[in-house]
N, C-alpha and C. Protein backbone atom coordinates (compact mmCIF):
# COMPACT_ATOMS: atom_id res chain seq x y z
N UNK A 1 120.98 94.34 130.87
CA UNK A 1 120.88 93.20 130.28
C UNK A 1 119.93 93.25 129.01
N UNK A 2 120.38 92.75 127.97
CA UNK A 2 119.74 93.18 126.67
C UNK A 2 119.50 91.74 125.98
N UNK A 3 118.43 91.75 125.24
CA UNK A 3 118.01 90.90 124.84
C UNK A 3 118.08 90.91 123.38
N UNK A 4 118.29 89.57 122.47
CA UNK A 4 118.13 89.60 120.88
C UNK A 4 116.54 89.60 120.91
N UNK A 5 115.73 90.23 120.10
CA UNK A 5 114.50 89.94 119.71
C UNK A 5 114.85 90.40 118.12
N UNK A 6 113.93 89.25 117.54
CA UNK A 6 113.81 89.39 116.18
C UNK A 6 112.51 90.58 115.60
N UNK A 7 113.05 91.48 114.62
CA UNK A 7 111.87 92.55 114.24
C UNK A 7 111.03 91.60 113.31
N UNK A 8 109.86 91.77 113.14
CA UNK A 8 109.20 90.96 112.39
C UNK A 8 109.20 91.89 111.24
N UNK A 9 109.47 91.55 110.26
CA UNK A 9 109.14 92.07 109.19
C UNK A 9 107.96 91.92 108.25
N UNK A 10 106.79 92.72 107.76
CA UNK A 10 105.89 92.17 107.15
C UNK A 10 106.15 92.31 105.51
N UNK A 11 105.75 91.83 104.61
CA UNK A 11 105.81 91.35 103.68
C UNK A 11 104.39 91.84 102.75
N UNK A 12 104.36 92.25 101.31
CA UNK A 12 103.02 92.77 100.84
C UNK A 12 103.71 92.79 99.43
N UNK A 13 102.79 92.54 98.83
CA UNK A 13 103.03 92.60 97.22
C UNK A 13 102.04 93.25 96.76
N UNK A 14 102.29 94.70 95.51
CA UNK A 14 101.91 95.68 95.48
C UNK A 14 101.37 95.68 94.21
N UNK A 15 99.83 95.43 93.83
CA UNK A 15 99.49 95.30 92.42
C UNK A 15 99.25 96.49 91.87
N UNK A 16 99.20 96.61 90.43
CA UNK A 16 98.84 98.06 89.71
C UNK A 16 97.93 98.78 90.59
N UNK A 17 97.96 100.29 90.56
CA UNK A 17 96.82 101.04 90.85
C UNK A 17 96.58 100.72 92.49
N UNK A 18 97.78 100.17 93.12
CA UNK A 18 97.72 100.45 94.74
C UNK A 18 98.72 101.28 95.38
N UNK A 19 98.52 101.49 96.69
CA UNK A 19 99.01 102.37 97.58
C UNK A 19 99.13 101.49 98.71
N UNK A 20 100.58 101.66 99.25
CA UNK A 20 100.79 101.08 100.76
C UNK A 20 101.42 101.77 101.72
N UNK A 21 101.23 102.34 102.52
CA UNK A 21 102.09 102.96 104.01
C UNK A 21 102.19 102.03 104.99
N UNK A 22 103.10 101.94 105.72
CA UNK A 22 103.36 101.20 106.63
C UNK A 22 104.14 101.85 107.92
N UNK A 23 103.52 102.10 109.18
CA UNK A 23 104.41 102.57 110.17
C UNK A 23 105.32 101.68 110.65
N UNK A 24 105.31 100.31 110.33
CA UNK A 24 106.67 99.56 110.87
C UNK A 24 107.46 98.89 110.04
N UNK A 25 107.87 97.95 110.20
CA UNK A 25 109.15 97.10 109.01
C UNK A 25 108.11 96.59 108.04
N UNK A 26 108.60 96.95 106.87
CA UNK A 26 107.60 96.19 105.90
C UNK A 26 108.56 96.25 104.76
N UNK A 27 108.77 95.01 103.91
CA UNK A 27 109.12 94.75 102.33
C UNK A 27 107.69 94.93 101.46
N UNK A 28 107.97 95.88 100.52
CA UNK A 28 106.78 95.64 99.59
C UNK A 28 107.42 95.39 98.45
N UNK A 29 106.71 94.61 98.14
CA UNK A 29 107.13 94.08 96.17
C UNK A 29 106.66 94.63 95.42
N UNK A 30 106.92 94.80 94.25
CA UNK A 30 106.23 94.78 92.81
C UNK A 30 106.65 94.33 91.61
N UNK A 31 106.05 94.27 90.48
CA UNK A 31 106.75 93.69 89.31
C UNK A 31 106.29 95.28 88.30
N UNK A 32 107.63 95.67 87.86
CA UNK A 32 107.08 96.94 86.89
C UNK A 32 107.37 96.63 85.28
N UNK A 33 106.79 97.00 84.55
CA UNK A 33 107.30 96.99 83.16
C UNK A 33 106.84 98.60 82.82
N UNK A 34 106.14 99.01 82.28
CA UNK A 34 106.05 100.66 81.69
C UNK A 34 105.60 101.41 83.17
N UNK A 35 104.92 100.45 83.97
CA UNK A 35 104.32 101.09 85.21
C UNK A 35 105.71 101.77 86.03
N UNK A 36 104.97 102.65 87.17
CA UNK A 36 106.36 103.22 88.10
C UNK A 36 105.58 102.75 89.40
N UNK A 37 106.80 102.75 90.30
CA UNK A 37 106.68 102.78 91.49
C UNK A 37 107.11 104.02 92.08
N UNK A 38 106.82 104.64 93.29
CA UNK A 38 107.40 105.75 93.90
C UNK A 38 107.61 105.31 95.36
N UNK A 39 108.85 105.15 96.10
CA UNK A 39 108.89 104.72 97.05
C UNK A 39 109.26 106.02 97.99
N UNK A 40 108.72 106.04 98.87
CA UNK A 40 108.90 107.23 100.00
C UNK A 40 109.13 107.03 101.21
N UNK A 41 110.18 107.62 101.87
CA UNK A 41 110.56 107.07 103.27
C UNK A 41 110.66 108.25 104.13
N UNK A 42 110.69 108.05 105.21
CA UNK A 42 110.74 109.23 106.27
C UNK A 42 111.76 108.96 106.98
N UNK A 43 112.77 109.71 106.99
CA UNK A 43 114.32 109.81 107.78
C UNK A 43 114.18 109.31 108.91
N UNK A 44 113.30 110.63 109.44
CA UNK A 44 113.08 110.83 111.06
C UNK A 44 112.37 109.75 111.50
N UNK A 45 111.19 109.42 110.86
CA UNK A 45 110.47 108.32 111.94
C UNK A 45 110.63 106.69 111.42
N UNK A 46 111.49 106.64 110.33
CA UNK A 46 111.50 105.55 109.46
C UNK A 46 110.56 104.46 109.32
N UNK A 47 109.85 105.49 108.71
CA UNK A 47 108.50 104.76 108.18
C UNK A 47 108.58 104.95 106.45
N UNK A 48 107.39 104.09 105.86
CA UNK A 48 107.54 104.80 104.61
C UNK A 48 106.36 103.90 103.70
N UNK A 49 106.53 104.06 102.55
CA UNK A 49 104.97 103.38 101.37
C UNK A 49 105.45 103.48 100.25
N UNK A 50 104.57 103.24 99.34
CA UNK A 50 104.98 102.96 97.96
C UNK A 50 103.71 102.94 97.15
N UNK A 51 103.41 103.39 96.02
CA UNK A 51 102.60 103.16 95.22
C UNK A 51 103.02 102.63 93.95
N UNK A 52 102.18 102.19 93.19
CA UNK A 52 102.19 101.52 91.79
C UNK A 52 101.38 101.88 90.76
N UNK A 53 101.65 103.09 89.90
CA UNK A 53 100.68 103.27 88.85
C UNK A 53 100.92 103.08 87.47
N UNK A 54 100.00 103.06 86.63
CA UNK A 54 100.00 102.42 85.40
C UNK A 54 100.22 103.84 84.15
N UNK A 55 99.75 104.87 84.77
CA UNK A 55 99.42 105.77 83.76
C UNK A 55 99.94 107.27 84.37
N UNK A 56 100.70 107.94 83.56
CA UNK A 56 100.62 109.40 84.11
C UNK A 56 99.74 110.69 84.57
N UNK A 57 98.86 110.91 83.93
CA UNK A 57 97.41 111.59 84.37
C UNK A 57 96.28 111.19 84.09
N UNK A 58 95.60 111.35 85.14
CA UNK A 58 94.15 111.25 85.37
C UNK A 58 93.29 111.75 84.03
N UNK A 59 92.46 111.03 83.53
CA UNK A 59 91.93 111.35 82.04
C UNK A 59 92.76 110.66 80.95
N UNK A 60 93.56 110.26 81.42
CA UNK A 60 94.62 109.48 80.27
C UNK A 60 93.50 108.57 79.78
N UNK A 61 92.91 107.54 80.48
CA UNK A 61 92.14 106.49 80.00
C UNK A 61 90.93 106.52 80.85
N UNK A 62 90.53 107.11 81.78
CA UNK A 62 89.58 106.85 82.42
C UNK A 62 89.80 107.87 83.88
N UNK A 63 88.27 107.74 84.69
CA UNK A 63 88.18 108.72 85.63
C UNK A 63 89.72 108.58 86.68
N UNK A 64 89.94 109.63 87.47
CA UNK A 64 90.82 109.80 88.52
C UNK A 64 90.46 108.54 89.26
N UNK A 65 91.68 107.96 89.37
CA UNK A 65 92.17 106.90 90.65
C UNK A 65 93.65 106.77 91.05
N UNK A 66 94.12 105.88 91.84
CA UNK A 66 95.44 105.74 91.92
C UNK A 66 96.07 104.99 90.95
N UNK A 67 95.35 104.42 89.52
CA UNK A 67 96.10 104.07 88.65
C UNK A 67 96.77 105.26 87.55
N UNK A 68 96.96 106.39 88.22
CA UNK A 68 97.33 107.55 87.68
C UNK A 68 98.31 108.27 88.49
N UNK A 69 99.76 108.59 88.13
CA UNK A 69 100.50 109.05 88.76
C UNK A 69 99.98 110.35 89.30
N UNK A 70 99.40 111.43 88.69
CA UNK A 70 99.16 112.58 89.43
C UNK A 70 98.14 112.38 90.37
N UNK A 71 97.39 111.24 90.63
CA UNK A 71 96.56 110.94 92.02
C UNK A 71 97.28 110.64 92.97
N UNK A 72 97.90 108.92 92.48
CA UNK A 72 98.89 108.09 93.10
C UNK A 72 99.73 108.82 94.19
N UNK A 73 100.70 109.83 93.56
CA UNK A 73 101.94 110.41 94.55
C UNK A 73 101.27 111.06 95.48
N UNK A 74 100.64 112.27 95.38
CA UNK A 74 100.03 113.05 96.27
C UNK A 74 98.98 112.18 97.53
N UNK A 75 98.57 111.22 97.23
CA UNK A 75 97.60 110.29 97.87
C UNK A 75 98.69 109.51 98.81
N UNK A 76 100.05 109.15 98.23
CA UNK A 76 101.20 108.66 99.27
C UNK A 76 101.75 109.40 100.12
N UNK A 77 102.04 110.76 99.66
CA UNK A 77 102.25 111.85 100.74
C UNK A 77 101.42 111.87 101.52
N UNK A 78 100.23 112.26 101.23
CA UNK A 78 99.17 112.73 102.12
C UNK A 78 98.89 111.53 103.25
N UNK A 79 98.94 110.16 102.86
CA UNK A 79 98.82 108.93 103.80
C UNK A 79 100.08 108.84 104.79
N UNK A 80 101.28 109.17 104.13
CA UNK A 80 102.49 109.48 105.38
C UNK A 80 102.33 110.60 106.35
N UNK A 81 101.72 112.14 105.47
CA UNK A 81 101.64 113.13 106.51
C UNK A 81 100.47 112.63 107.70
N UNK A 82 99.35 112.00 107.36
CA UNK A 82 98.59 111.37 108.13
C UNK A 82 99.19 110.70 109.32
N UNK A 83 100.21 109.78 109.12
CA UNK A 83 100.89 108.91 109.81
C UNK A 83 102.01 109.85 110.91
N UNK A 84 102.31 111.06 110.65
CA UNK A 84 102.86 111.88 111.49
C UNK A 84 104.43 112.11 110.63
N UNK A 85 104.78 111.94 109.56
CA UNK A 85 105.42 112.69 108.43
C UNK A 85 105.36 114.18 108.18
N UNK A 86 106.35 114.46 108.08
CA UNK A 86 106.73 116.24 107.62
C UNK A 86 107.26 116.19 106.36
N UNK A 87 106.68 116.84 105.26
CA UNK A 87 107.28 116.70 103.75
C UNK A 87 108.95 116.81 104.07
N UNK A 88 109.33 117.48 104.48
CA UNK A 88 110.75 117.88 104.70
C UNK A 88 111.58 116.78 105.31
N UNK A 89 110.83 115.62 105.97
CA UNK A 89 111.56 114.60 105.98
C UNK A 89 111.81 113.67 105.53
N UNK A 90 110.75 113.54 104.37
CA UNK A 90 110.57 112.51 103.25
C UNK A 90 111.91 112.53 102.28
N UNK A 91 112.13 111.43 101.31
CA UNK A 91 112.98 111.54 100.48
C UNK A 91 112.29 110.12 99.44
N UNK A 92 112.74 110.37 98.45
CA UNK A 92 111.88 109.33 97.09
C UNK A 92 112.65 108.51 96.57
N UNK A 93 112.42 107.25 95.78
CA UNK A 93 112.93 106.62 95.08
C UNK A 93 111.95 106.50 93.97
N UNK A 94 112.71 106.17 92.97
CA UNK A 94 111.56 105.93 91.44
C UNK A 94 112.17 105.12 90.72
N UNK A 95 111.27 103.83 90.29
CA UNK A 95 111.54 102.95 89.95
C UNK A 95 110.56 102.32 88.79
N UNK A 96 111.07 101.93 87.47
CA UNK A 96 110.33 101.73 86.65
C UNK A 96 110.25 102.40 85.51
N UNK A 97 109.11 102.03 84.59
CA UNK A 97 108.94 103.39 83.34
C UNK A 97 109.54 102.88 82.14
N UNK A 98 109.67 101.57 82.17
CA UNK A 98 110.76 100.72 81.02
C UNK A 98 109.67 100.94 79.35
N UNK A 99 110.43 100.97 78.72
CA UNK A 99 110.05 100.89 76.98
C UNK A 99 109.79 99.62 76.78
N UNK A 100 108.86 99.20 76.82
CA UNK A 100 108.55 97.58 76.53
C UNK A 100 108.23 97.30 75.30
N UNK A 101 108.77 96.85 74.23
CA UNK A 101 108.64 96.43 73.22
C UNK A 101 106.94 95.54 73.32
N UNK A 102 106.45 96.03 72.32
CA UNK A 102 104.77 95.66 72.16
C UNK A 102 103.77 95.88 72.96
N UNK A 103 104.26 97.11 73.95
CA UNK A 103 103.47 97.89 74.81
C UNK A 103 102.48 98.69 74.14
N UNK A 104 101.29 98.87 74.95
CA UNK A 104 100.14 99.78 73.71
C UNK A 104 100.56 101.28 73.58
N UNK A 105 101.20 101.77 74.32
CA UNK A 105 102.01 103.08 74.28
C UNK A 105 103.38 103.34 74.68
N UNK A 106 104.29 103.32 73.71
CA UNK A 106 105.74 103.12 74.00
C UNK A 106 106.45 104.26 74.92
N UNK A 107 105.77 105.43 74.86
CA UNK A 107 106.26 106.60 75.69
C UNK A 107 105.20 106.43 76.85
N UNK A 108 104.54 105.49 77.21
CA UNK A 108 103.89 105.65 78.46
C UNK A 108 104.84 105.61 79.62
N UNK A 109 105.78 104.88 79.69
CA UNK A 109 106.70 104.65 80.93
C UNK A 109 107.79 105.95 80.89
N UNK A 110 108.54 106.50 79.95
CA UNK A 110 108.67 107.97 79.99
C UNK A 110 107.56 109.11 80.61
N UNK A 111 106.49 108.80 80.23
CA UNK A 111 105.77 109.93 80.92
C UNK A 111 105.46 109.55 82.35
N UNK A 112 105.18 108.75 82.79
CA UNK A 112 104.85 108.04 84.11
C UNK A 112 106.50 108.73 84.95
N UNK A 113 107.50 108.53 84.55
CA UNK A 113 108.57 108.79 84.91
C UNK A 113 108.72 110.22 85.22
N UNK A 114 108.34 110.96 84.01
CA UNK A 114 108.40 112.59 84.33
C UNK A 114 107.23 113.21 85.20
N UNK A 115 106.11 112.42 85.17
CA UNK A 115 105.18 113.05 85.97
C UNK A 115 105.69 112.48 87.44
N UNK A 116 106.07 111.59 87.70
CA UNK A 116 106.74 111.46 89.25
C UNK A 116 107.93 112.67 89.71
N UNK A 117 108.68 112.77 88.64
CA UNK A 117 109.60 113.57 89.08
C UNK A 117 109.06 115.02 89.08
N UNK A 118 108.01 115.59 88.34
CA UNK A 118 107.00 116.81 88.24
C UNK A 118 106.56 116.64 89.83
N UNK A 119 105.80 115.94 90.26
CA UNK A 119 104.94 116.21 91.63
C UNK A 119 106.01 116.33 92.47
N UNK A 120 106.95 115.28 92.60
CA UNK A 120 107.97 115.32 93.95
C UNK A 120 108.81 116.55 93.70
N UNK A 121 109.05 117.25 92.46
CA UNK A 121 109.68 118.29 92.30
C UNK A 121 108.90 119.54 93.17
N UNK A 122 107.30 119.49 93.02
CA UNK A 122 106.41 120.37 93.28
C UNK A 122 106.41 120.58 94.80
N UNK A 123 106.38 119.27 95.37
CA UNK A 123 106.33 118.90 96.77
C UNK A 123 107.65 119.16 97.62
N UNK A 124 108.64 119.44 97.07
CA UNK A 124 110.00 119.89 97.49
C UNK A 124 110.59 118.43 98.26
N UNK A 125 110.25 117.12 97.85
CA UNK A 125 110.85 116.25 97.96
C UNK A 125 112.04 115.62 97.23
N UNK A 126 113.26 115.34 97.64
CA UNK A 126 114.36 115.19 96.62
C UNK A 126 114.35 113.37 96.61
N UNK A 127 114.73 113.28 95.46
CA UNK A 127 114.90 111.90 94.66
C UNK A 127 115.96 111.62 95.07
N UNK A 128 116.41 110.49 95.70
CA UNK A 128 117.75 110.01 96.49
C UNK A 128 118.27 108.87 95.30
N UNK A 129 117.42 108.09 94.62
CA UNK A 129 117.75 107.13 93.67
C UNK A 129 116.86 106.68 92.54
N UNK A 130 117.14 106.54 91.58
CA UNK A 130 116.25 106.04 90.13
C UNK A 130 116.77 105.43 89.55
N UNK A 131 115.94 104.16 89.41
CA UNK A 131 116.38 102.93 88.32
C UNK A 131 115.03 103.14 87.07
N UNK A 132 115.20 103.80 86.41
CA UNK A 132 114.05 103.87 85.26
C UNK A 132 114.43 103.84 83.92
N UNK A 133 113.42 103.65 83.31
CA UNK A 133 113.92 103.56 81.45
C UNK A 133 114.26 102.11 81.07
N UNK A 134 114.62 102.29 79.77
CA UNK A 134 115.51 101.01 79.43
C UNK A 134 114.37 100.13 78.52
N UNK A 135 114.71 98.78 78.37
CA UNK A 135 113.69 97.94 77.99
C UNK A 135 113.46 96.79 78.85
N UNK A 136 113.89 96.83 79.90
CA UNK A 136 113.53 95.62 80.48
C UNK A 136 112.31 95.88 81.81
N UNK A 137 111.81 95.04 82.11
CA UNK A 137 110.91 95.15 83.09
C UNK A 137 111.71 94.87 84.60
N UNK A 138 111.35 94.97 85.70
CA UNK A 138 111.83 95.36 86.90
C UNK A 138 110.93 94.57 88.00
N UNK A 139 111.49 93.72 88.90
CA UNK A 139 110.91 93.29 90.02
C UNK A 139 111.63 93.79 91.15
N UNK A 140 110.59 94.23 92.04
CA UNK A 140 111.30 95.38 93.02
C UNK A 140 111.07 95.05 94.53
N UNK A 141 111.82 95.21 95.50
CA UNK A 141 111.44 94.91 96.80
C UNK A 141 112.10 96.28 97.61
N UNK A 142 110.80 96.71 98.18
CA UNK A 142 111.51 98.05 98.74
C UNK A 142 111.20 97.74 100.57
N UNK A 143 112.07 98.10 101.11
CA UNK A 143 112.38 98.28 102.63
C UNK A 143 111.85 99.40 103.32
N UNK A 144 110.67 99.52 104.10
CA UNK A 144 109.89 100.37 104.43
C UNK A 144 110.56 101.62 105.65
N UNK A 145 111.30 100.57 106.35
CA UNK A 145 112.01 100.88 107.53
C UNK A 145 113.68 101.60 107.02
N UNK A 146 114.08 101.07 106.13
CA UNK A 146 115.50 101.24 105.93
C UNK A 146 115.69 102.09 104.65
N UNK A 147 114.74 102.25 103.95
CA UNK A 147 114.83 102.94 102.17
C UNK A 147 115.81 102.16 101.60
N UNK A 148 115.89 100.94 101.75
CA UNK A 148 116.80 100.09 100.86
C UNK A 148 115.68 99.29 99.85
N UNK A 149 116.07 99.56 98.73
CA UNK A 149 115.64 98.82 97.28
C UNK A 149 116.50 97.84 96.84
N UNK A 150 115.66 96.71 96.20
CA UNK A 150 116.22 95.61 95.65
C UNK A 150 115.82 95.48 94.30
N UNK A 151 116.43 95.63 93.26
CA UNK A 151 115.78 95.83 91.96
C UNK A 151 116.44 94.78 90.86
N UNK A 152 115.84 93.98 90.47
CA UNK A 152 115.82 92.71 89.56
C UNK A 152 115.34 93.23 88.12
N UNK A 153 116.00 93.08 87.46
CA UNK A 153 115.78 93.43 85.74
C UNK A 153 115.50 92.13 85.43
N UNK A 154 114.42 92.06 84.28
CA UNK A 154 113.88 90.61 83.80
C UNK A 154 113.90 90.87 82.46
N UNK A 155 114.01 89.79 81.18
CA UNK A 155 113.78 90.24 80.01
C UNK A 155 112.38 90.01 79.36
N UNK A 156 111.42 89.22 80.35
CA UNK A 156 109.93 89.00 80.14
C UNK A 156 109.41 88.96 81.51
N UNK A 157 108.11 89.39 81.33
CA UNK A 157 107.64 89.81 82.46
C UNK A 157 106.38 88.50 82.21
N UNK A 158 105.80 87.73 82.72
CA UNK A 158 104.71 86.73 82.92
C UNK A 158 103.66 87.42 83.52
N UNK A 159 102.46 86.98 83.11
CA UNK A 159 101.16 87.42 83.86
C UNK A 159 101.23 87.27 85.74
N UNK A 160 101.63 85.79 85.75
CA UNK A 160 101.74 85.42 86.98
C UNK A 160 102.59 86.25 88.04
N UNK A 161 103.57 87.00 87.18
CA UNK A 161 104.61 87.60 88.14
C UNK A 161 103.91 89.04 88.76
N UNK A 162 102.80 89.38 88.50
CA UNK A 162 101.95 90.73 88.74
C UNK A 162 101.19 90.00 90.12
N UNK A 163 100.83 88.74 90.20
CA UNK A 163 100.14 88.49 91.07
C UNK A 163 100.43 86.96 91.80
N UNK A 164 101.60 87.09 92.29
CA UNK A 164 102.53 85.98 92.56
C UNK A 164 101.60 85.31 93.56
N UNK A 165 101.19 85.85 94.48
CA UNK A 165 100.30 85.20 95.80
C UNK A 165 99.24 84.31 95.42
N UNK A 166 98.79 85.24 94.28
CA UNK A 166 97.20 84.58 93.82
C UNK A 166 97.56 83.31 93.13
N UNK A 167 98.58 83.42 92.53
CA UNK A 167 99.41 82.08 91.82
C UNK A 167 99.37 81.02 92.52
N UNK A 168 99.84 81.30 93.81
CA UNK A 168 100.36 80.09 94.76
C UNK A 168 99.15 79.82 95.26
N UNK A 169 97.92 80.77 95.71
CA UNK A 169 96.99 80.08 96.37
C UNK A 169 95.93 79.05 95.34
N UNK A 170 96.13 79.40 93.73
CA UNK A 170 95.45 78.52 92.86
C UNK A 170 95.86 76.97 92.83
N UNK A 171 97.16 77.01 93.05
CA UNK A 171 97.97 76.05 92.76
C UNK A 171 97.86 74.54 93.88
């Protein structure tokens, strides 16, 4: 006899400079302009995680932290390895890196994307999907269990888009 049980899917919003891994089913959202999100999925364990970084290389504007791709991507890989993932079972998606008019450094988005590609290649992790560059921001939802992404492009990103849950609590 089989029973229909709904699988609970947790929802998280990832703000810039953060990393999240999940051993269960989760949908992680982010809002990206020049920032980049790297989504990693373990094909064998059906788990995954995502980071959201602002700058390509530590020392670019400050001390090493997960604000930087060269720190955030290895941290994401290591978090999944500690959960039992093997690097050979991981696959990546890269999203973001837009060239937003009026941003501080118009080349930051492209540098972020290049850093992600470089580190993933160095670790032997294949990139199965990219949605990068251009002149529009993106709203992203990543499902850790299925490796599916939903990407919505937008002409204008508002401050409240980066912290949607905080805005709801304040109203």
